[in-house]
Amino acid sequence: MRDLYSFSKRIIDLLLFFILLIPAVILIASFGIILAFQFKSSPFFIQERGLTLTKHRLKILKLRTIKKDFSKVTSENDIFFKPSLQNEIPKFAAWLRKTGLDELPQIFNVLTGKMSFIGPRPLMDQDLKVMKKENPIIYYKRESINSKPGISGLWQIYGNRDEGLINLIALDLIYDTYKTINIDLQLIFKTAFFVVTSKNSDAVFTIKKKDKRFVDISISEDIELKIDSGLIRLLALPLLNINNSFSYSLNLPENFWITDYTINNNELKNHEHRISA
């Protein structure tokens, strides 16, 4: 089933790439000309990213939207919030970020197979270094993720930056374990909605998500994902030390889990999947 999913996902990625190719090239060239006049420099640059410093590494072509990046990442909070950069972003570049159109050049990573349209968010090296230092357990959990990095994805759409790394890894693991073509298509349509309505959220321009579905997550020594009556429970993710245990609520949209297409009703009653710690 995983092989069929991977094959189908690759076909969808390539179809979307060729559908978007001509308009994307026109838009990227147009945006590049405008940004070149605004910044008086090259509107493009290359950035190294990955799920970790060693897993799913790739180089991303980026549209320049910031005059100068003065931000220093020294804590977990700096990974998710960089509001100080707002003054360094012209209005047109800010619009690009709010629509997510600044991500358009990444479609060429989809063509090469380094990325998918939907998958976990690849992070910048400086963010990953802080993650590894501040929360190595979550960092190494990202090493277990098999999904390719995505331009958009479950965390990119439904993530809560206020809740930091625990929210990121919870959604990463849920997607990696239960991904289906149906879920990917839902996320693609939701991404298109965000582009059209300029509701994309990033570290500089953060938009609160309104969709909510509270999923109880208990945190302690081991880790496992359990689906019970349509709720997803992420159990036992160590964060501080091996003796710590606490609860965490994850927000998901009310209508996200379409069980007729993802997991059948019998599986929903007793389905449990363990990920080795």
Protein backbone atom coordinates (compact mmCIF):
# COMPACT_ATOMS: atom_id res chain seq x y z
CA MET A 1 0.00 0.00 0.00
CA ARG A 2 2.85 2.40 0.80
CA ASP A 3 4.42 1.72 -2.62
CA LEU A 4 1.09 2.47 -4.31
CA TYR A 5 0.73 5.63 -2.25
CA SER A 6 4.28 6.79 -3.10
CA PHE A 7 3.71 6.11 -6.81
CA SER A 8 0.34 7.92 -6.81
CA LYS A 9 1.78 10.85 -4.87
CA ARG A 10 4.64 11.20 -7.36
CA ILE A 11 2.18 11.19 -10.28
CA ILE A 12 0.11 13.93 -8.61
CA ASP A 13 3.27 15.95 -7.90
CA LEU A 14 4.34 15.75 -11.55
CA LEU A 15 0.85 16.56 -12.86
CA LEU A 16 0.64 19.61 -10.61
CA PHE A 17 4.15 20.66 -11.62
CA PHE A 18 3.37 20.62 -15.34
CA ILE A 19 0.00 22.33 -14.79
CA LEU A 20 1.69 25.11 -12.81
CA LEU A 21 4.93 25.32 -14.81
CA ILE A 22 4.07 28.01 -17.37
CA PRO A 23 2.14 30.34 -15.01
CA ALA A 24 4.78 29.75 -12.32
CA VAL A 25 7.66 30.71 -14.64
CA ILE A 26 5.79 33.86 -15.74
CA LEU A 27 5.02 34.81 -12.13
CA ILE A 28 8.54 34.06 -10.86
CA ALA A 29 10.07 36.17 -13.65
CA SER A 30 7.60 39.03 -12.99
CA PHE A 31 8.16 38.89 -9.24
CA GLY A 32 11.91 38.76 -9.81
CA ILE A 33 11.88 41.95 -11.90
CA ILE A 34 9.83 43.84 -9.29
CA LEU A 35 12.00 42.61 -6.40
CA ALA A 36 15.20 43.45 -8.29
CA PHE A 37 14.06 47.07 -8.58
CA GLN A 38 13.02 47.16 -4.91
CA PHE A 39 16.18 45.60 -3.49
CA LYS A 40 18.67 46.84 -6.11
CA SER A 41 20.22 43.36 -6.07
CA SER A 42 19.55 39.82 -7.28
CA PRO A 43 15.98 38.81 -6.42
CA PHE A 44 17.05 35.17 -6.00
CA PHE A 45 19.26 33.26 -3.59
CA ILE A 46 19.92 29.64 -2.62
CA GLN A 47 19.12 28.36 0.87
CA GLU A 48 20.13 25.06 2.51
CA ARG A 49 17.28 23.31 4.30
CA GLY A 50 16.29 19.89 5.60
CA LEU A 51 14.09 17.97 8.00
CA THR A 52 17.24 17.75 10.12
CA LEU A 53 20.87 18.63 9.52
CA THR A 54 21.35 15.21 7.90
CA LYS A 55 17.87 14.03 6.78
CA HIS A 56 16.27 15.02 3.46
CA ARG A 57 18.79 17.76 2.74
CA LEU A 58 18.10 20.06 -0.21
CA LYS A 59 18.91 23.44 -1.72
CA ILE A 60 15.95 25.73 -2.28
CA LEU A 61 15.79 28.61 -4.76
CA LYS A 62 14.22 31.53 -2.86
CA LEU A 63 12.72 34.85 -3.90
CA ARG A 64 14.34 37.62 -1.87
CA THR A 65 11.67 39.23 0.32
CA ILE A 66 13.83 40.66 3.15
CA LYS A 67 16.24 43.57 2.76
CA LYS A 68 18.62 42.18 5.35
CA ASP A 69 18.14 39.29 7.72
CA PHE A 70 19.23 40.69 11.07
CA SER A 71 17.47 37.98 13.09
CA LYS A 72 19.53 35.61 15.20
CA VAL A 73 18.04 32.28 16.16
CA THR A 74 19.03 31.57 19.75
CA SER A 75 15.93 29.86 21.17
CA GLU A 76 13.00 27.69 20.11
CA ASN A 77 10.75 30.76 19.98
CA ASP A 78 13.02 32.35 17.33
CA ILE A 79 12.32 29.42 14.99
CA PHE A 80 8.61 30.25 14.83
CA PHE A 81 8.51 34.02 15.32
CA LYS A 82 10.63 36.67 13.60
CA PRO A 83 8.37 39.77 13.81
CA SER A 84 11.38 42.10 14.02
CA LEU A 85 11.92 41.49 10.29
CA GLN A 86 8.62 43.14 9.30
CA ASN A 87 10.36 46.52 8.93
CA GLU A 88 12.81 44.90 6.49
CA ILE A 89 10.07 43.67 4.13
CA PRO A 90 8.57 46.01 1.48
CA LYS A 91 4.80 45.89 0.89
CA PHE A 92 5.00 43.85 -2.31
CA ALA A 93 7.32 41.30 -0.69
CA ALA A 94 4.99 41.16 2.32
CA TRP A 95 2.09 40.34 -0.04
CA LEU A 96 4.17 37.55 -1.59
CA ARG A 97 4.77 36.03 1.84
CA LYS A 98 1.11 36.35 2.92
CA THR A 99 -0.05 34.57 -0.25
CA GLY A 100 2.74 32.00 -0.10
CA LEU A 101 3.71 32.87 -3.67
CA ASP A 102 7.28 33.45 -2.49
CA GLU A 103 7.43 29.62 -2.29
CA LEU A 104 6.81 29.19 -6.05
CA PRO A 105 10.46 28.49 -7.02
CA GLN A 106 10.32 25.37 -4.84
CA ILE A 107 8.24 23.61 -7.50
CA PHE A 108 11.54 22.83 -9.27
CA ASN A 109 12.55 20.76 -6.22
CA VAL A 110 9.31 18.84 -6.77
CA LEU A 111 10.35 18.08 -10.35
CA THR A 112 13.70 16.67 -9.19
CA GLY A 113 11.97 14.55 -6.54
CA LYS A 114 13.67 16.29 -3.60
CA MET A 115 10.35 17.69 -2.41
CA SER A 116 6.64 17.05 -2.69
CA PHE A 117 3.82 19.57 -2.81
CA ILE A 118 2.64 18.14 0.54
CA GLY A 119 4.98 17.04 3.32
CA PRO A 120 6.78 18.15 6.51
CA ARG A 121 8.28 21.63 6.50
CA PRO A 122 12.05 21.72 5.77
CA LEU A 123 13.74 24.17 8.14
CA MET A 124 16.76 26.42 7.77
CA ASP A 125 20.06 25.17 9.16
CA GLN A 126 20.18 27.84 11.87
CA ASP A 127 16.72 26.76 13.07
CA LEU A 128 17.74 23.09 13.04
CA LYS A 129 20.89 23.79 15.05
CA VAL A 130 18.83 25.51 17.75
CA MET A 131 16.28 22.67 17.69
CA LYS A 132 19.05 20.11 18.14
CA LYS A 133 20.54 22.06 21.04
CA GLU A 134 17.31 23.10 22.80
CA ASN A 135 15.24 19.96 22.24
CA PRO A 136 17.35 17.07 20.92
CA ILE A 137 14.59 14.46 21.47
CA ILE A 138 12.22 16.24 19.09
CA TYR A 139 15.11 16.88 16.70
CA TYR A 140 15.96 13.16 16.53
CA LYS A 141 12.27 12.23 16.19
CA ARG A 142 12.38 14.17 12.93
CA GLU A 143 15.12 11.76 11.81
CA SER A 144 12.48 8.98 11.86
CA ILE A 145 10.21 10.76 9.35
CA ASN A 146 10.22 9.13 5.92
CA SER A 147 8.06 11.66 4.06
CA LYS A 148 9.77 14.04 1.66
CA PRO A 149 9.76 17.71 2.68
CA GLY A 150 6.74 19.61 1.38
CA ILE A 151 6.06 23.09 0.03
CA SER A 152 2.85 22.89 2.04
CA GLY A 153 1.64 20.31 4.53
CA LEU A 154 -0.28 19.44 7.67
CA TRP A 155 1.78 21.68 9.96
CA GLN A 156 2.04 24.47 7.38
CA ILE A 157 -1.78 24.60 7.19
CA TYR A 158 -2.92 23.65 10.70
CA GLY A 159 0.17 24.24 12.85
CA ASN A 160 0.13 26.49 15.90
CA ARG A 161 3.40 28.42 16.13
CA ASP A 162 2.55 29.51 19.69
CA GLU A 163 3.00 25.89 20.79
CA GLY A 164 6.45 25.50 19.28
CA LEU A 165 8.27 22.27 18.57
CA ILE A 166 5.78 19.91 20.24
CA ASN A 167 3.09 21.07 17.81
CA LEU A 168 5.48 20.69 14.86
CA ILE A 169 6.57 17.14 15.70
CA ALA A 170 3.03 16.01 16.60
CA LEU A 171 1.71 17.04 13.18
CA ASP A 172 4.84 15.73 11.43
CA LEU A 173 4.37 12.27 12.98
CA ILE A 174 0.61 12.18 12.43
CA TYR A 175 1.08 13.01 8.74
CA ASP A 176 3.98 10.60 8.27
CA THR A 177 1.99 7.74 9.84
CA TYR A 178 -1.48 8.31 8.36
CA LYS A 179 -0.82 10.07 5.05
CA THR A 180 -3.11 9.15 2.18
CA ILE A 181 -3.81 10.59 -1.26
CA ASN A 182 -7.14 11.84 0.09
CA ILE A 183 -5.43 13.79 2.88
CA ASP A 184 -2.84 15.15 0.43
CA LEU A 185 -5.60 16.40 -1.88
CA GLN A 186 -7.39 18.08 1.03
CA LEU A 187 -4.18 19.86 1.96
CA ILE A 188 -3.55 20.91 -1.67
CA PHE A 189 -7.04 22.48 -1.89
CA LYS A 190 -6.59 24.15 1.50
CA THR A 191 -3.23 25.53 0.34
CA ALA A 192 -4.87 26.98 -2.79
CA PHE A 193 -7.46 28.67 -0.55
CA PHE A 194 -4.69 30.23 1.57
CA VAL A 195 -2.96 31.55 -1.57
CA VAL A 196 -6.14 33.13 -2.96
CA THR A 197 -7.17 34.67 0.38
CA SER A 198 -3.62 35.73 1.43
CA LYS A 199 -3.91 33.73 4.66
CA ASN A 200 -0.51 32.08 4.55
CA SER A 201 1.28 32.22 7.90
CA ASP A 202 5.04 32.36 8.39
CA ALA A 203 7.50 33.41 11.08
CA VAL A 204 7.20 37.08 10.14
CA PHE A 205 3.48 37.37 9.37
CA THR A 206 1.61 35.03 11.69
CA ILE A 207 -2.10 34.41 11.17
CA LYS A 208 -4.16 32.62 13.81
CA LYS A 209 -5.89 29.48 12.53
CA LYS A 210 -9.63 29.26 13.23
CA ASP A 211 -10.14 25.54 12.54
CA LYS A 212 -10.15 23.63 15.82
CA ARG A 213 -10.50 20.06 16.89
CA PHE A 214 -9.05 19.25 20.27
CA VAL A 215 -7.05 16.04 20.38
CA ASP A 216 -5.66 14.98 23.75
CA ILE A 217 -1.97 14.19 23.71
CA SER A 218 -0.21 12.71 26.72
CA ILE A 219 3.54 13.12 26.97
CA SER A 220 5.83 10.75 28.87
CA GLU A 221 8.51 8.13 28.27
CA ASP A 222 7.70 6.19 25.05
CA ILE A 223 5.95 7.26 21.89
CA GLU A 224 2.98 5.81 20.06
CA LEU A 225 0.15 7.07 17.90
CA LYS A 226 -3.34 5.81 18.65
CA ILE A 227 -6.57 6.50 16.80
CA ASP A 228 -9.63 6.02 18.97
CA SER A 229 -13.17 6.99 17.88
CA GLY A 230 -11.77 9.34 15.28
CA LEU A 231 -9.41 11.09 17.69
CA ILE A 232 -5.69 10.86 17.29
CA ARG A 233 -3.63 10.49 20.44
CA LEU A 234 0.11 10.97 20.48
CA LEU A 235 1.27 9.21 23.62
CA ALA A 236 4.51 9.49 25.52
CA LEU A 237 6.80 11.89 23.72
CA PRO A 238 9.69 12.77 26.06
CA LEU A 239 10.48 16.47 26.10
CA LEU A 240 12.32 17.49 29.23
CA ASN A 241 13.59 14.29 30.82
CA ILE A 242 12.58 10.66 31.12
CA ASN A 243 10.47 11.23 34.25
CA ASN A 244 8.33 14.07 32.90
CA SER A 245 4.72 13.53 31.85
CA PHE A 246 2.02 16.03 30.90
CA SER A 247 -0.90 16.54 28.52
CA TYR A 248 -1.11 18.54 25.33
CA SER A 249 -4.10 19.42 23.12
CA LEU A 250 -3.63 19.53 19.37
CA ASN A 251 -5.94 21.57 17.11
CA LEU A 252 -7.22 19.95 13.92
CA PRO A 253 -10.20 20.91 11.72
CA GLU A 254 -13.52 19.30 12.58
CA ASN A 255 -13.94 17.71 9.15
CA PHE A 256 -10.34 16.71 8.44
CA TRP A 257 -10.46 12.97 9.08
CA ILE A 258 -12.75 11.59 6.39
CA THR A 259 -12.86 8.03 7.69
CA ASP A 260 -14.64 6.59 4.66
CA TYR A 261 -11.51 7.23 2.64
CA THR A 262 -8.66 7.13 5.12
CA ILE A 263 -9.22 4.55 7.87
CA ASN A 264 -12.29 2.34 8.03
CA ASN A 265 -14.59 2.22 11.05
CA ASN A 266 -13.24 -1.09 12.41
CA GLU A 267 -9.70 0.27 12.36
CA LEU A 268 -10.86 3.43 14.09
CA LYS A 269 -12.00 1.44 17.11
CA ASN A 270 -8.78 -0.34 17.90
CA HIS A 271 -6.02 1.02 15.72
CA GLU A 272 -2.65 1.54 17.41
CA HIS A 273 0.75 2.19 15.89
CA ARG A 274 4.00 2.28 17.86
CA ILE A 275 7.05 4.22 16.80
CA SER A 276 10.24 3.08 18.47
CA ALA A 277 11.77 5.74 20.67
